[in-house]
Amino acid sequence: MPHLIIEYAAPLAEDINIQDLVEAVFTGAVQSGLFNTKAIKARAHACDNYWVGGTKQAFVHVEIKLLPGRNNDQKKDLTQRVFDQVSAHVKDDVAISVELNDLDANCYTKHS
């Protein structure tokens, strides 16, 4: 844990290396100091169909899913670190957002 799920406007792949973006988001999570590196999972999905602010504006959205147990300051620090990593990899005209969702630990099941 956590899961770092990146959605991005597909045309961004023409301007940036998406694997580098995935690794940057991963780095943001590592920098938070909240997780064992081996527990972090990051992935990216291209969006071909999107509409942002009434235009076809490029975007990157990161959803962070994690089990409960972190306080608000820790969660804010995590989201800011991930946001900063994304910002360093995209142009200023790209819309960036990061959200954090606590999972219900009673309903989360996994196999390593």
PDB file of N, CA and C in Angstrom:
ATOM      1  N   MET A   1       0.853  -1.164   0.000  1.00  0.00           N
ATOM      2  CA  MET A   1       0.000   0.000   0.000  1.00  0.00           C
ATOM      3  C   MET A   1       0.892   1.217   0.000  1.00  0.00           C
ATOM      4  N   PRO A   2       0.713   2.212  -0.683  1.00  0.00           N
ATOM      5  CA  PRO A   2      -0.498   2.641  -1.356  1.00  0.00           C
ATOM      6  C   PRO A   2      -0.535   2.208  -2.824  1.00  0.00           C
ATOM      7  N   HIS A   3      -1.711   2.429  -3.433  1.00  0.00           N
ATOM      8  CA  HIS A   3      -1.848   2.329  -4.878  1.00  0.00           C
ATOM      9  C   HIS A   3      -1.836   3.757  -5.409  1.00  0.00           C
ATOM     10  N   LEU A   4      -0.995   4.021  -6.388  1.00  0.00           N
ATOM     11  CA  LEU A   4      -0.890   5.327  -7.032  1.00  0.00           C
ATOM     12  C   LEU A   4      -1.370   5.145  -8.467  1.00  0.00           C
ATOM     13  N   ILE A   5      -2.548   5.652  -8.754  1.00  0.00           N
ATOM     14  CA  ILE A   5      -3.167   5.432 -10.063  1.00  0.00           C
ATOM     15  C   ILE A   5      -3.168   6.757 -10.810  1.00  0.00           C
ATOM     16  N   ILE A   6      -2.436   6.783 -11.903  1.00  0.00           N
ATOM     17  CA  ILE A   6      -2.284   7.998 -12.691  1.00  0.00           C
ATOM     18  C   ILE A   6      -3.161   7.892 -13.929  1.00  0.00           C
ATOM     19  N   GLU A   7      -4.032   8.866 -14.101  1.00  0.00           N
ATOM     20  CA  GLU A   7      -4.765   9.025 -15.355  1.00  0.00           C
ATOM     21  C   GLU A   7      -4.186  10.254 -16.039  1.00  0.00           C
ATOM     22  N   TYR A   8      -4.018  10.166 -17.357  1.00  0.00           N
ATOM     23  CA  TYR A   8      -3.440  11.303 -18.071  1.00  0.00           C
ATOM     24  C   TYR A   8      -4.028  11.391 -19.474  1.00  0.00           C
ATOM     25  N   ALA A   9      -4.034  12.604 -19.992  1.00  0.00           N
ATOM     26  CA  ALA A   9      -4.481  12.819 -21.367  1.00  0.00           C
ATOM     27  C   ALA A   9      -3.504  12.119 -22.304  1.00  0.00           C
ATOM     28  N   ALA A  10      -4.006  11.233 -23.131  1.00  0.00           N
ATOM     29  CA  ALA A  10      -3.164  10.397 -23.985  1.00  0.00           C
ATOM     30  C   ALA A  10      -2.128  11.188 -24.800  1.00  0.00           C
ATOM     31  N   PRO A  11      -2.474  12.366 -25.334  1.00  0.00           N
ATOM     32  CA  PRO A  11      -1.468  13.100 -26.102  1.00  0.00           C
ATOM     33  C   PRO A  11      -0.220  13.504 -25.305  1.00  0.00           C
ATOM     34  N   LEU A  12      -0.288  13.484 -23.980  1.00  0.00           N
ATOM     35  CA  LEU A  12       0.896  13.821 -23.182  1.00  0.00           C
ATOM     36  C   LEU A  12       2.052  12.869 -23.456  1.00  0.00           C
ATOM     37  N   ALA A  13       1.742  11.654 -23.873  1.00  0.00           N
ATOM     38  CA  ALA A  13       2.795  10.669 -24.150  1.00  0.00           C
ATOM     39  C   ALA A  13       3.691  11.102 -25.308  1.00  0.00           C
ATOM     40  N   GLU A  14       3.231  12.076 -26.095  1.00  0.00           N
ATOM     41  CA  GLU A  14       4.063  12.624 -27.171  1.00  0.00           C
ATOM     42  C   GLU A  14       5.090  13.609 -26.625  1.00  0.00           C
ATOM     43  N   ASP A  15       4.806  14.171 -25.441  1.00  0.00           N
ATOM     44  CA  ASP A  15       5.666  15.214 -24.866  1.00  0.00           C
ATOM     45  C   ASP A  15       6.538  14.732 -23.717  1.00  0.00           C
ATOM     46  N   ILE A  16       6.085  13.719 -22.988  1.00  0.00           N
ATOM     47  CA  ILE A  16       6.837  13.247 -21.824  1.00  0.00           C
ATOM     48  C   ILE A  16       6.908  11.722 -21.837  1.00  0.00           C
ATOM     49  N   ASN A  17       7.880  11.215 -21.136  1.00  0.00           N
ATOM     50  CA  ASN A  17       8.016   9.774 -20.980  1.00  0.00           C
ATOM     51  C   ASN A  17       7.109   9.355 -19.819  1.00  0.00           C
ATOM     52  N   ILE A  18       6.089   8.582 -20.108  1.00  0.00           N
ATOM     53  CA  ILE A  18       5.104   8.219 -19.092  1.00  0.00           C
ATOM     54  C   ILE A  18       5.735   7.332 -18.013  1.00  0.00           C
ATOM     55  N   GLN A  19       6.663   6.466 -18.366  1.00  0.00           N
ATOM     56  CA  GLN A  19       7.337   5.656 -17.346  1.00  0.00           C
ATOM     57  C   GLN A  19       8.083   6.557 -16.367  1.00  0.00           C
ATOM     58  N   ASP A  20       8.700   7.624 -16.868  1.00  0.00           N
ATOM     59  CA  ASP A  20       9.368   8.583 -15.981  1.00  0.00           C
ATOM     60  C   ASP A  20       8.361   9.236 -15.042  1.00  0.00           C
ATOM     61  N   LEU A  21       7.165   9.540 -15.552  1.00  0.00           N
ATOM     62  CA  LEU A  21       6.117  10.123 -14.719  1.00  0.00           C
ATOM     63  C   LEU A  21       5.690   9.139 -13.622  1.00  0.00           C
ATOM     64  N   VAL A  22       5.513   7.877 -13.982  1.00  0.00           N
ATOM     65  CA  VAL A  22       5.148   6.852 -13.001  1.00  0.00           C
ATOM     66  C   VAL A  22       6.226   6.767 -11.918  1.00  0.00           C
ATOM     67  N   GLU A  23       7.475   6.767 -12.322  1.00  0.00           N
ATOM     68  CA  GLU A  23       8.566   6.678 -11.354  1.00  0.00           C
ATOM     69  C   GLU A  23       8.644   7.933 -10.482  1.00  0.00           C
ATOM     70  N   ALA A  24       8.313   9.088 -11.041  1.00  0.00           N
ATOM     71  CA  ALA A  24       8.309  10.331 -10.263  1.00  0.00           C
ATOM     72  C   ALA A  24       7.221  10.298  -9.198  1.00  0.00           C
ATOM     73  N   VAL A  25       6.035   9.824  -9.559  1.00  0.00           N
ATOM     74  CA  VAL A  25       4.941   9.709  -8.595  1.00  0.00           C
ATOM     75  C   VAL A  25       5.332   8.714  -7.496  1.00  0.00           C
ATOM     76  N   PHE A  26       5.934   7.616  -7.891  1.00  0.00           N
ATOM     77  CA  PHE A  26       6.448   6.626  -6.934  1.00  0.00           C
ATOM     78  C   PHE A  26       7.433   7.298  -5.969  1.00  0.00           C
ATOM     79  N   THR A  27       8.328   8.108  -6.511  1.00  0.00           N
ATOM     80  CA  THR A  27       9.318   8.818  -5.700  1.00  0.00           C
ATOM     81  C   THR A  27       8.648   9.740  -4.690  1.00  0.00           C
ATOM     82  N   GLY A  28       7.588  10.423  -5.101  1.00  0.00           N
ATOM     83  CA  GLY A  28       6.854  11.275  -4.172  1.00  0.00           C
ATOM     84  C   GLY A  28       6.342  10.493  -2.979  1.00  0.00           C
ATOM     85  N   ALA A  29       5.842   9.292  -3.224  1.00  0.00           N
ATOM     86  CA  ALA A  29       5.360   8.447  -2.128  1.00  0.00           C
ATOM     87  C   ALA A  29       6.510   8.008  -1.234  1.00  0.00           C
ATOM     88  N   VAL A  30       7.632   7.658  -1.832  1.00  0.00           N
ATOM     89  CA  VAL A  30       8.805   7.254  -1.054  1.00  0.00           C
ATOM     90  C   VAL A  30       9.268   8.409  -0.171  1.00  0.00           C
ATOM     91  N   GLN A  31       9.312   9.607  -0.738  1.00  0.00           N
ATOM     92  CA  GLN A  31       9.782  10.779   0.000  1.00  0.00           C
ATOM     93  C   GLN A  31       8.924  11.092   1.222  1.00  0.00           C
ATOM     94  N   SER A  32       7.686  10.654   1.211  1.00  0.00           N
ATOM     95  CA  SER A  32       6.806  10.915   2.356  1.00  0.00           C
ATOM     96  C   SER A  32       7.275  10.180   3.610  1.00  0.00           C
ATOM     97  N   GLY A  33       8.023   9.102   3.430  1.00  0.00           N
ATOM     98  CA  GLY A  33       8.500   8.323   4.561  1.00  0.00           C
ATOM     99  C   GLY A  33       7.422   7.482   5.234  1.00  0.00           C
ATOM    100  N   LEU A  34       6.273   7.368   4.611  1.00  0.00           N
ATOM    101  CA  LEU A  34       5.148   6.652   5.217  1.00  0.00           C
ATOM    102  C   LEU A  34       5.095   5.171   4.871  1.00  0.00           C
ATOM    103  N   PHE A  35       5.859   4.752   3.848  1.00  0.00           N
ATOM    104  CA  PHE A  35       5.670   3.408   3.317  1.00  0.00           C
ATOM    105  C   PHE A  35       6.988   2.677   3.117  1.00  0.00           C
ATOM    106  N   ASN A  36       6.920   1.368   3.220  1.00  0.00           N
ATOM    107  CA  ASN A  36       7.996   0.500   2.785  1.00  0.00           C
ATOM    108  C   ASN A  36       7.981   0.553   1.257  1.00  0.00           C
ATOM    109  N   THR A  37       9.104   0.815   0.639  1.00  0.00           N
ATOM    110  CA  THR A  37       9.173   0.968  -0.821  1.00  0.00           C
ATOM    111  C   THR A  37       8.572  -0.216  -1.558  1.00  0.00           C
ATOM    112  N   LYS A  38       8.766  -1.417  -1.047  1.00  0.00           N
ATOM    113  CA  LYS A  38       8.248  -2.618  -1.711  1.00  0.00           C
ATOM    114  C   LYS A  38       6.727  -2.683  -1.697  1.00  0.00           C
ATOM    115  N   ALA A  39       6.092  -1.895  -0.852  1.00  0.00           N
ATOM    116  CA  ALA A  39       4.633  -1.918  -0.747  1.00  0.00           C
ATOM    117  C   ALA A  39       3.946  -0.932  -1.684  1.00  0.00           C
ATOM    118  N   ILE A  40       4.704  -0.043  -2.313  1.00  0.00           N
ATOM    119  CA  ILE A  40       4.118   1.001  -3.167  1.00  0.00           C
ATOM    120  C   ILE A  40       3.866   0.441  -4.561  1.00  0.00           C
ATOM    121  N   LYS A  41       2.670   0.702  -5.072  1.00  0.00           N
ATOM    122  CA  LYS A  41       2.290   0.249  -6.412  1.00  0.00           C
ATOM    123  C   LYS A  41       1.850   1.458  -7.224  1.00  0.00           C
ATOM    124  N   ALA A  42       2.479   1.677  -8.357  1.00  0.00           N
ATOM    125  CA  ALA A  42       2.145   2.823  -9.206  1.00  0.00           C
ATOM    126  C   ALA A  42       1.879   2.347 -10.626  1.00  0.00           C
ATOM    127  N   ARG A  43       0.887   2.964 -11.249  1.00  0.00           N
ATOM    128  CA  ARG A  43       0.553   2.608 -12.628  1.00  0.00           C
ATOM    129  C   ARG A  43      -0.116   3.791 -13.293  1.00  0.00           C
ATOM    130  N   ALA A  44      -0.119   3.765 -14.622  1.00  0.00           N
ATOM    131  CA  ALA A  44      -0.686   4.878 -15.388  1.00  0.00           C
ATOM    132  C   ALA A  44      -1.624   4.355 -16.467  1.00  0.00           C
ATOM    133  N   HIS A  45      -2.678   5.139 -16.695  1.00  0.00           N
ATOM    134  CA  HIS A  45      -3.664   4.821 -17.725  1.00  0.00           C
ATOM    135  C   HIS A  45      -3.887   6.064 -18.587  1.00  0.00           C
ATOM    136  N   ALA A  46      -3.774   5.884 -19.883  1.00  0.00           N
ATOM    137  CA  ALA A  46      -4.040   6.979 -20.815  1.00  0.00           C
ATOM    138  C   ALA A  46      -5.541   7.147 -21.012  1.00  0.00           C
ATOM    139  N   CYS A  47      -5.972   8.377 -21.118  1.00  0.00           N
ATOM    140  CA  CYS A  47      -7.375   8.691 -21.425  1.00  0.00           C
ATOM    141  C   CYS A  47      -7.441   9.317 -22.810  1.00  0.00           C
ATOM    142  N   ASP A  48      -8.129   8.648 -23.702  1.00  0.00           N
ATOM    143  CA  ASP A  48      -8.294   9.174 -25.053  1.00  0.00           C
ATOM    144  C   ASP A  48      -9.441  10.170 -25.127  1.00  0.00           C
ATOM    145  N   ASN A  49     -10.427   9.974 -24.295  1.00  0.00           N
ATOM    146  CA  ASN A  49     -11.630  10.814 -24.326  1.00  0.00           C
ATOM    147  C   ASN A  49     -11.728  11.584 -23.009  1.00  0.00           C
ATOM    148  N   TYR A  50     -11.697  12.903 -23.092  1.00  0.00           N
ATOM    149  CA  TYR A  50     -11.739  13.747 -21.899  1.00  0.00           C
ATOM    150  C   TYR A  50     -12.138  15.163 -22.293  1.00  0.00           C
ATOM    151  N   TRP A  51     -12.543  15.923 -21.306  1.00  0.00           N
ATOM    152  CA  TRP A  51     -12.950  17.316 -21.489  1.00  0.00           C
ATOM    153  C   TRP A  51     -12.643  18.025 -20.182  1.00  0.00           C
ATOM    154  N   VAL A  52     -11.782  19.000 -20.197  1.00  0.00           N
ATOM    155  CA  VAL A  52     -11.348  19.692 -18.978  1.00  0.00           C
ATOM    156  C   VAL A  52     -11.614  21.177 -19.131  1.00  0.00           C
ATOM    157  N   GLY A  53     -12.466  21.714 -18.287  1.00  0.00           N
ATOM    158  CA  GLY A  53     -12.732  23.145 -18.313  1.00  0.00           C
ATOM    159  C   GLY A  53     -13.288  23.640 -19.631  1.00  0.00           C
ATOM    160  N   GLY A  54     -14.045  22.804 -20.315  1.00  0.00           N
ATOM    161  CA  GLY A  54     -14.657  23.194 -21.579  1.00  0.00           C
ATOM    162  C   GLY A  54     -13.743  23.079 -22.787  1.00  0.00           C
ATOM    163  N   THR A  55     -12.562  22.460 -22.607  1.00  0.00           N
ATOM    164  CA  THR A  55     -11.634  22.278 -23.724  1.00  0.00           C
ATOM    165  C   THR A  55     -10.976  20.903 -23.616  1.00  0.00           C
ATOM    166  N   LYS A  56     -10.172  20.595 -24.581  1.00  0.00           N
ATOM    167  CA  LYS A  56      -9.414  19.342 -24.582  1.00  0.00           C
ATOM    168  C   LYS A  56      -8.034  19.606 -23.966  1.00  0.00           C
ATOM    169  N   GLN A  57      -8.020  20.188 -22.770  1.00  0.00           N
ATOM    170  CA  GLN A  57      -6.779  20.533 -22.077  1.00  0.00           C
ATOM    171  C   GLN A  57      -6.090  19.278 -21.551  1.00  0.00           C
ATOM    172  N   ALA A  58      -4.783  19.240 -21.708  1.00  0.00           N
ATOM    173  CA  ALA A  58      -4.002  18.117 -21.178  1.00  0.00           C
ATOM    174  C   ALA A  58      -4.105  18.098 -19.650  1.00  0.00           C
ATOM    175  N   PHE A  59      -4.079  16.897 -19.089  1.00  0.00           N
ATOM    176  CA  PHE A  59      -4.193  16.772 -17.634  1.00  0.00           C
ATOM    177  C   PHE A  59      -3.438  15.551 -17.130  1.00  0.00           C
ATOM    178  N   VAL A  60      -3.113  15.596 -15.836  1.00  0.00           N
ATOM    179  CA  VAL A  60      -2.641  14.438 -15.094  1.00  0.00           C
ATOM    180  C   VAL A  60      -3.416  14.442 -13.784  1.00  0.00           C
ATOM    181  N   HIS A  61      -4.034  13.315 -13.477  1.00  0.00           N
ATOM    182  CA  HIS A  61      -4.748  13.154 -12.212  1.00  0.00           C
ATOM    183  C   HIS A  61      -4.197  11.919 -11.524  1.00  0.00           C
ATOM    184  N   VAL A  62      -3.822  12.069 -10.248  1.00  0.00           N
ATOM    185  CA  VAL A  62      -3.301  10.952  -9.480  1.00  0.00           C
ATOM    186  C   VAL A  62      -4.270  10.653  -8.345  1.00  0.00           C
ATOM    187  N   GLU A  63      -4.701   9.411  -8.287  1.00  0.00           N
ATOM    188  CA  GLU A  63      -5.515   8.953  -7.168  1.00  0.00           C
ATOM    189  C   GLU A  63      -4.623   8.086  -6.283  1.00  0.00           C
ATOM    190  N   ILE A  64      -4.568   8.433  -5.009  1.00  0.00           N
ATOM    191  CA  ILE A  64      -3.802   7.671  -4.043  1.00  0.00           C
ATOM    192  C   ILE A  64      -4.803   6.903  -3.181  1.00  0.00           C
ATOM    193  N   LYS A  65      -4.693   5.595  -3.206  1.00  0.00           N
ATOM    194  CA  LYS A  65      -5.557   4.752  -2.380  1.00  0.00           C
ATOM    195  C   LYS A  65      -4.687   4.102  -1.323  1.00  0.00           C
ATOM    196  N   LEU A  66      -5.088   4.250  -0.048  1.00  0.00           N
ATOM    197  CA  LEU A  66      -4.323   3.637   1.010  1.00  0.00           C
ATOM    198  C   LEU A  66      -5.210   3.235   2.163  1.00  0.00           C
ATOM    199  N   LEU A  67      -4.693   2.315   2.933  1.00  0.00           N
ATOM    200  CA  LEU A  67      -5.415   1.883   4.125  1.00  0.00           C
ATOM    201  C   LEU A  67      -5.353   2.986   5.175  1.00  0.00           C
ATOM    202  N   PRO A  68      -6.346   3.085   6.038  1.00  0.00           N
ATOM    203  CA  PRO A  68      -6.377   4.134   7.056  1.00  0.00           C
ATOM    204  C   PRO A  68      -5.204   4.010   8.025  1.00  0.00           C
ATOM    205  N   GLY A  69      -4.965   5.103   8.742  1.00  0.00           N
ATOM    206  CA  GLY A  69      -3.922   5.080   9.751  1.00  0.00           C
ATOM    207  C   GLY A  69      -2.989   6.266   9.693  1.00  0.00           C
ATOM    208  N   ARG A  70      -3.153   7.105   8.683  1.00  0.00           N
ATOM    209  CA  ARG A  70      -2.314   8.300   8.592  1.00  0.00           C
ATOM    210  C   ARG A  70      -3.136   9.506   8.992  1.00  0.00           C
ATOM    211  N   ASN A  71      -2.494  10.463   9.655  1.00  0.00           N
ATOM    212  CA  ASN A  71      -3.217  11.673  10.047  1.00  0.00           C
ATOM    213  C   ASN A  71      -3.294  12.650   8.880  1.00  0.00           C
ATOM    214  N   ASN A  72      -4.055  13.710   9.044  1.00  0.00           N
ATOM    215  CA  ASN A  72      -4.271  14.674   7.962  1.00  0.00           C
ATOM    216  C   ASN A  72      -2.981  15.351   7.518  1.00  0.00           C
ATOM    217  N   ASP A  73      -2.081  15.653   8.444  1.00  0.00           N
ATOM    218  CA  ASP A  73      -0.812  16.269   8.063  1.00  0.00           C
ATOM    219  C   ASP A  73       0.016  15.322   7.194  1.00  0.00           C
ATOM    220  N   GLN A  74       0.048  14.053   7.542  1.00  0.00           N
ATOM    221  CA  GLN A  74       0.782  13.073   6.743  1.00  0.00           C
ATOM    222  C   GLN A  74       0.168  12.933   5.353  1.00  0.00           C
ATOM    223  N   LYS A  75      -1.143  12.907   5.287  1.00  0.00           N
ATOM    224  CA  LYS A  75      -1.825  12.769   3.996  1.00  0.00           C
ATOM    225  C   LYS A  75      -1.605  14.008   3.130  1.00  0.00           C
ATOM    226  N   LYS A  76      -1.652  15.189   3.729  1.00  0.00           N
ATOM    227  CA  LYS A  76      -1.413  16.418   2.972  1.00  0.00           C
ATOM    228  C   LYS A  76       0.018  16.447   2.456  1.00  0.00           C
ATOM    229  N   ASP A  77       0.975  16.043   3.291  1.00  0.00           N
ATOM    230  CA  ASP A  77       2.371  15.995   2.865  1.00  0.00           C
ATOM    231  C   ASP A  77       2.541  15.028   1.695  1.00  0.00           C
ATOM    232  N   LEU A  78       1.917  13.868   1.779  1.00  0.00           N
ATOM    233  CA  LEU A  78       1.989  12.876   0.704  1.00  0.00           C
ATOM    234  C   LEU A  78       1.432  13.436  -0.594  1.00  0.00           C
ATOM    235  N   THR A  79       0.238  14.011  -0.535  1.00  0.00           N
ATOM    236  CA  THR A  79      -0.360  14.538  -1.768  1.00  0.00           C
ATOM    237  C   THR A  79       0.471  15.686  -2.336  1.00  0.00           C
ATOM    238  N   GLN A  80       1.042  16.520  -1.481  1.00  0.00           N
ATOM    239  CA  GLN A  80       1.870  17.623  -1.975  1.00  0.00           C
ATOM    240  C   GLN A  80       3.147  17.110  -2.636  1.00  0.00           C
ATOM    241  N   ARG A  81       3.760  16.098  -2.045  1.00  0.00           N
ATOM    242  CA  ARG A  81       4.982  15.528  -2.635  1.00  0.00           C
ATOM    243  C   ARG A  81       4.697  14.912  -4.006  1.00  0.00           C
ATOM    244  N   VAL A  82       3.583  14.214  -4.122  1.00  0.00           N
ATOM    245  CA  VAL A  82       3.209  13.630  -5.407  1.00  0.00           C
ATOM    246  C   VAL A  82       2.898  14.747  -6.407  1.00  0.00           C
ATOM    247  N   PHE A  83       2.156  15.758  -5.977  1.00  0.00           N
ATOM    248  CA  PHE A  83       1.845  16.900  -6.837  1.00  0.00           C
ATOM    249  C   PHE A  83       3.132  17.560  -7.342  1.00  0.00           C
ATOM    250  N   ASP A  84       4.076  17.780  -6.457  1.00  0.00           N
ATOM    251  CA  ASP A  84       5.339  18.425  -6.844  1.00  0.00           C
ATOM    252  C   ASP A  84       6.104  17.590  -7.857  1.00  0.00           C
ATOM    253  N   GLN A  85       6.087  16.283  -7.693  1.00  0.00           N
ATOM    254  CA  GLN A  85       6.766  15.409  -8.653  1.00  0.00           C
ATOM    255  C   GLN A  85       6.119  15.494 -10.037  1.00  0.00           C
ATOM    256  N   VAL A  86       4.788  15.484 -10.068  1.00  0.00           N
ATOM    257  CA  VAL A  86       4.093  15.611 -11.356  1.00  0.00           C
ATOM    258  C   VAL A  86       4.410  16.973 -11.983  1.00  0.00           C
ATOM    259  N   SER A  87       4.339  18.021 -11.187  1.00  0.00           N
ATOM    260  CA  SER A  87       4.590  19.381 -11.685  1.00  0.00           C
ATOM    261  C   SER A  87       5.967  19.506 -12.331  1.00  0.00           C
ATOM    262  N   ALA A  88       6.936  18.793 -11.793  1.00  0.00           N
ATOM    263  CA  ALA A  88       8.296  18.855 -12.325  1.00  0.00           C
ATOM    264  C   ALA A  88       8.438  18.143 -13.672  1.00  0.00           C
ATOM    265  N   HIS A  89       7.444  17.352 -14.048  1.00  0.00           N
ATOM    266  CA  HIS A  89       7.547  16.556 -15.276  1.00  0.00           C
ATOM    267  C   HIS A  89       6.640  17.026 -16.408  1.00  0.00           C
ATOM    268  N   VAL A  90       5.751  17.953 -16.138  1.00  0.00           N
ATOM    269  CA  VAL A  90       4.832  18.401 -17.190  1.00  0.00           C
ATOM    270  C   VAL A  90       4.935  19.916 -17.371  1.00  0.00           C
ATOM    271  N   LYS A  91       4.447  20.382 -18.497  1.00  0.00           N
ATOM    272  CA  LYS A  91       4.449  21.816 -18.788  1.00  0.00           C
ATOM    273  C   LYS A  91       3.427  22.541 -17.914  1.00  0.00           C
ATOM    274  N   ASP A  92       3.584  23.846 -17.813  1.00  0.00           N
ATOM    275  CA  ASP A  92       2.710  24.660 -16.969  1.00  0.00           C
ATOM    276  C   ASP A  92       1.248  24.653 -17.411  1.00  0.00           C
ATOM    277  N   ASP A  93       0.978  24.340 -18.670  1.00  0.00           N
ATOM    278  CA  ASP A  93      -0.399  24.385 -19.158  1.00  0.00           C
ATOM    279  C   ASP A  93      -1.162  23.073 -18.945  1.00  0.00           C
ATOM    280  N   VAL A  94      -0.540  22.122 -18.260  1.00  0.00           N
ATOM    281  CA  VAL A  94      -1.186  20.844 -17.972  1.00  0.00           C
ATOM    282  C   VAL A  94      -1.908  20.947 -16.635  1.00  0.00           C
ATOM    283  N   ALA A  95      -3.196  20.579 -16.619  1.00  0.00           N
ATOM    284  CA  ALA A  95      -3.969  20.568 -15.376  1.00  0.00           C
ATOM    285  C   ALA A  95      -3.506  19.380 -14.538  1.00  0.00           C
ATOM    286  N   ILE A  96      -3.220  19.635 -13.259  1.00  0.00           N
ATOM    287  CA  ILE A  96      -2.733  18.583 -12.358  1.00  0.00           C
ATOM    288  C   ILE A  96      -3.649  18.524 -11.145  1.00  0.00           C
ATOM    289  N   SER A  97      -4.010  17.304 -10.760  1.00  0.00           N
ATOM    290  CA  SER A  97      -4.766  17.115  -9.526  1.00  0.00           C
ATOM    291  C   SER A  97      -4.312  15.823  -8.864  1.00  0.00           C
ATOM    292  N   VAL A  98      -4.387  15.829  -7.522  1.00  0.00           N
ATOM    293  CA  VAL A  98      -4.036  14.652  -6.728  1.00  0.00           C
ATOM    294  C   VAL A  98      -5.108  14.504  -5.667  1.00  0.00           C
ATOM    295  N   GLU A  99      -5.650  13.298  -5.541  1.00  0.00           N
ATOM    296  CA  GLU A  99      -6.633  13.028  -4.492  1.00  0.00           C
ATOM    297  C   GLU A  99      -6.193  11.817  -3.697  1.00  0.00           C
ATOM    298  N   LEU A 100      -6.620  11.768  -2.451  1.00  0.00           N
ATOM    299  CA  LEU A 100      -6.285  10.654  -1.584  1.00  0.00           C
ATOM    300  C   LEU A 100      -7.567  10.051  -1.039  1.00  0.00           C
ATOM    301  N   ASN A 101      -7.670   8.732  -1.140  1.00  0.00           N
ATOM    302  CA  ASN A 101      -8.841   8.016  -0.636  1.00  0.00           C
ATOM    303  C   ASN A 101      -8.407   6.926   0.319  1.00  0.00           C
ATOM    304  N   ASP A 102      -8.939   6.972   1.539  1.00  0.00           N
ATOM    305  CA  ASP A 102      -8.711   5.902   2.498  1.00  0.00           C
ATOM    306  C   ASP A 102      -9.628   4.734   2.151  1.00  0.00           C
ATOM    307  N   LEU A 103      -9.048   3.554   2.052  1.00  0.00           N
ATOM    308  CA  LEU A 103      -9.822   2.346   1.781  1.00  0.00           C
ATOM    309  C   LEU A 103     -10.420   1.814   3.074  1.00  0.00           C
ATOM    310  N   ASP A 104     -11.465   1.049   2.950  1.00  0.00           N
ATOM    311  CA  ASP A 104     -12.060   0.358   4.094  1.00  0.00           C
ATOM    312  C   ASP A 104     -11.229  -0.905   4.329  1.00  0.00           C
ATOM    313  N   ALA A 105     -10.476  -0.929   5.417  1.00  0.00           N
ATOM    314  CA  ALA A 105      -9.583  -2.062   5.694  1.00  0.00           C
ATOM    315  C   ALA A 105     -10.337  -3.379   5.805  1.00  0.00           C
ATOM    316  N   ASN A 106     -11.580  -3.337   6.219  1.00  0.00           N
ATOM    317  CA  ASN A 106     -12.374  -4.568   6.357  1.00  0.00           C
ATOM    318  C   ASN A 106     -12.777  -5.156   5.010  1.00  0.00           C
ATOM    319  N   CYS A 107     -12.718  -4.343   3.966  1.00  0.00           N
ATOM    320  CA  CYS A 107     -13.170  -4.786   2.640  1.00  0.00           C
ATOM    321  C   CYS A 107     -12.019  -4.884   1.632  1.00  0.00           C
ATOM    322  N   TYR A 108     -10.805  -4.685   2.062  1.00  0.00           N
ATOM    323  CA  TYR A 108      -9.654  -4.761   1.158  1.00  0.00           C
ATOM    324  C   TYR A 108      -8.980  -6.104   1.315  1.00  0.00           C
ATOM    325  N   THR A 109      -8.793  -6.804   0.216  1.00  0.00           N
ATOM    326  CA  THR A 109      -8.151  -8.107   0.226  1.00  0.00           C
ATOM    327  C   THR A 109      -7.063  -8.107  -0.820  1.00  0.00           C
ATOM    328  N   LYS A 110      -5.941  -8.750  -0.530  1.00  0.00           N
ATOM    329  CA  LYS A 110      -4.850  -8.809  -1.510  1.00  0.00           C
ATOM    330  C   LYS A 110      -4.055 -10.079  -1.331  1.00  0.00           C
ATOM    331  N   HIS A 111      -3.258 -10.358  -2.331  1.00  0.00           N
ATOM    332  CA  HIS A 111      -2.281 -11.434  -2.319  1.00  0.00           C
ATOM    333  C   HIS A 111      -1.004 -10.845  -2.883  1.00  0.00           C
ATOM    334  N   SER A 112       0.083 -10.968  -2.168  1.00  0.00           N
ATOM    335  CA  SER A 112       1.345 -10.352  -2.613  1.00  0.00           C
ATOM    336  C   SER A 112       1.941 -11.064  -3.783  1.00  0.00           C
TER     337      SER A 112
END
